[in-house]
Amino acid sequence: MDGTQREDIKIGSEVSIVLKKDQRSGNLTEGVVKDILTKSSYHPHGIKVRLEDGQVGRVKEIKS
């Protein structure tokens, strides 16, 4: 699943995100969702989340 639908992302889900600094390169960072920051139900570039380690980025892939 891609991360464009807010309903697909749950706190505690394992995801791959792209950090702001990695948007050009497309490097993905893996982690566990701590907070969901995007309020709308859909975002074309991915729902913005905060991982448990504090990093913030847009979800590109949902692992579980």
C-alpha atoms as a PDB file:
ATOM      1  CA  MET A   1       0.000   0.000   0.000  1.00  0.00           C
ATOM      2  CA  ASP A   2       1.129   3.514  -0.665  1.00  0.00           C
ATOM      3  CA  GLY A   3       0.647   6.117   2.040  1.00  0.00           C
ATOM      4  CA  THR A   4      -1.816   8.484   0.372  1.00  0.00           C
ATOM      5  CA  GLN A   5      -4.914   7.438   2.381  1.00  0.00           C
ATOM      6  CA  ARG A   6      -4.969   8.465   6.058  1.00  0.00           C
ATOM      7  CA  GLU A   7      -7.280   5.566   6.983  1.00  0.00           C
ATOM      8  CA  ASP A   8      -4.604   3.028   5.918  1.00  0.00           C
ATOM      9  CA  ILE A   9      -2.063   4.346   8.445  1.00  0.00           C
ATOM     10  CA  LYS A  10      -2.336   3.405  12.103  1.00  0.00           C
ATOM     11  CA  ILE A  11      -0.207   4.440  15.063  1.00  0.00           C
ATOM     12  CA  GLY A  12       2.268   1.597  15.577  1.00  0.00           C
ATOM     13  CA  SER A  13       2.371   0.704  11.868  1.00  0.00           C
ATOM     14  CA  GLU A  14       5.760  -0.024  10.325  1.00  0.00           C
ATOM     15  CA  VAL A  15       6.258   2.324   7.351  1.00  0.00           C
ATOM     16  CA  SER A  16       8.809   3.712   4.921  1.00  0.00           C
ATOM     17  CA  ILE A  17       8.871   7.506   4.723  1.00  0.00           C
ATOM     18  CA  VAL A  18      10.737  10.082   2.685  1.00  0.00           C
ATOM     19  CA  LEU A  19      12.248  12.867   4.789  1.00  0.00           C
ATOM     20  CA  LYS A  20      12.159  16.485   3.573  1.00  0.00           C
ATOM     21  CA  LYS A  21      15.924  16.436   2.963  1.00  0.00           C
ATOM     22  CA  ASP A  22      15.595  13.209   0.934  1.00  0.00           C
ATOM     23  CA  GLN A  23      12.758  14.314  -1.369  1.00  0.00           C
ATOM     24  CA  ARG A  24      15.102  14.885  -4.325  1.00  0.00           C
ATOM     25  CA  SER A  25      17.043  11.620  -3.893  1.00  0.00           C
ATOM     26  CA  GLY A  26      14.003   9.555  -2.867  1.00  0.00           C
ATOM     27  CA  ASN A  27      15.900   7.825  -0.031  1.00  0.00           C
ATOM     28  CA  LEU A  28      13.470   6.022   2.265  1.00  0.00           C
ATOM     29  CA  THR A  29      13.659   5.833   6.052  1.00  0.00           C
ATOM     30  CA  GLU A  30      11.948   2.987   7.906  1.00  0.00           C
ATOM     31  CA  GLY A  31      10.306   3.241  11.288  1.00  0.00           C
ATOM     32  CA  VAL A  32       7.187   2.938  13.417  1.00  0.00           C
ATOM     33  CA  VAL A  33       4.450   5.608  13.358  1.00  0.00           C
ATOM     34  CA  LYS A  34       4.124   7.623  16.566  1.00  0.00           C
ATOM     35  CA  ASP A  35       1.850  10.462  15.341  1.00  0.00           C
ATOM     36  CA  ILE A  36      -0.158  11.160  12.189  1.00  0.00           C
ATOM     37  CA  LEU A  37       0.359  14.819  11.292  1.00  0.00           C
ATOM     38  CA  THR A  38      -1.794  15.225   8.156  1.00  0.00           C
ATOM     39  CA  LYS A  39      -5.396  16.041   9.064  1.00  0.00           C
ATOM     40  CA  SER A  40      -6.987  15.447   5.637  1.00  0.00           C
ATOM     41  CA  SER A  41      -8.060  11.934   4.605  1.00  0.00           C
ATOM     42  CA  TYR A  42      -5.924  12.001   1.425  1.00  0.00           C
ATOM     43  CA  HIS A  43      -2.651  13.573   0.281  1.00  0.00           C
ATOM     44  CA  PRO A  44      -1.188  12.892  -3.189  1.00  0.00           C
ATOM     45  CA  HIS A  45       2.429  12.893  -1.935  1.00  0.00           C
ATOM     46  CA  GLY A  46       1.743  10.758   1.140  1.00  0.00           C
ATOM     47  CA  ILE A  47       0.384  11.321   4.635  1.00  0.00           C
ATOM     48  CA  LYS A  48       2.864  13.133   6.888  1.00  0.00           C
ATOM     49  CA  VAL A  49       3.796  11.219  10.061  1.00  0.00           C
ATOM     50  CA  ARG A  50       6.246  11.388  12.967  1.00  0.00           C
ATOM     51  CA  LEU A  51       8.176   8.203  13.698  1.00  0.00           C
ATOM     52  CA  GLU A  52       8.963   6.961  17.218  1.00  0.00           C
ATOM     53  CA  ASP A  53      12.538   8.271  16.822  1.00  0.00           C
ATOM     54  CA  GLY A  54      11.194  11.781  16.099  1.00  0.00           C
ATOM     55  CA  GLN A  55      11.822  11.939  12.344  1.00  0.00           C
ATOM     56  CA  VAL A  56       9.039  13.490  10.230  1.00  0.00           C
ATOM     57  CA  GLY A  57       8.233  12.640   6.631  1.00  0.00           C
ATOM     58  CA  ARG A  58       5.627  11.480   4.136  1.00  0.00           C
ATOM     59  CA  VAL A  59       4.614   7.814   3.977  1.00  0.00           C
ATOM     60  CA  LYS A  60       5.604   6.080   0.742  1.00  0.00           C
ATOM     61  CA  GLU A  61       4.973   2.474   1.772  1.00  0.00           C
ATOM     62  CA  ILE A  62       3.097   0.733   4.587  1.00  0.00           C
ATOM     63  CA  LYS A  63       4.801  -2.462   5.775  1.00  0.00           C
ATOM     64  CA  SER A  64       2.266  -3.676   8.348  1.00  0.00           C
END
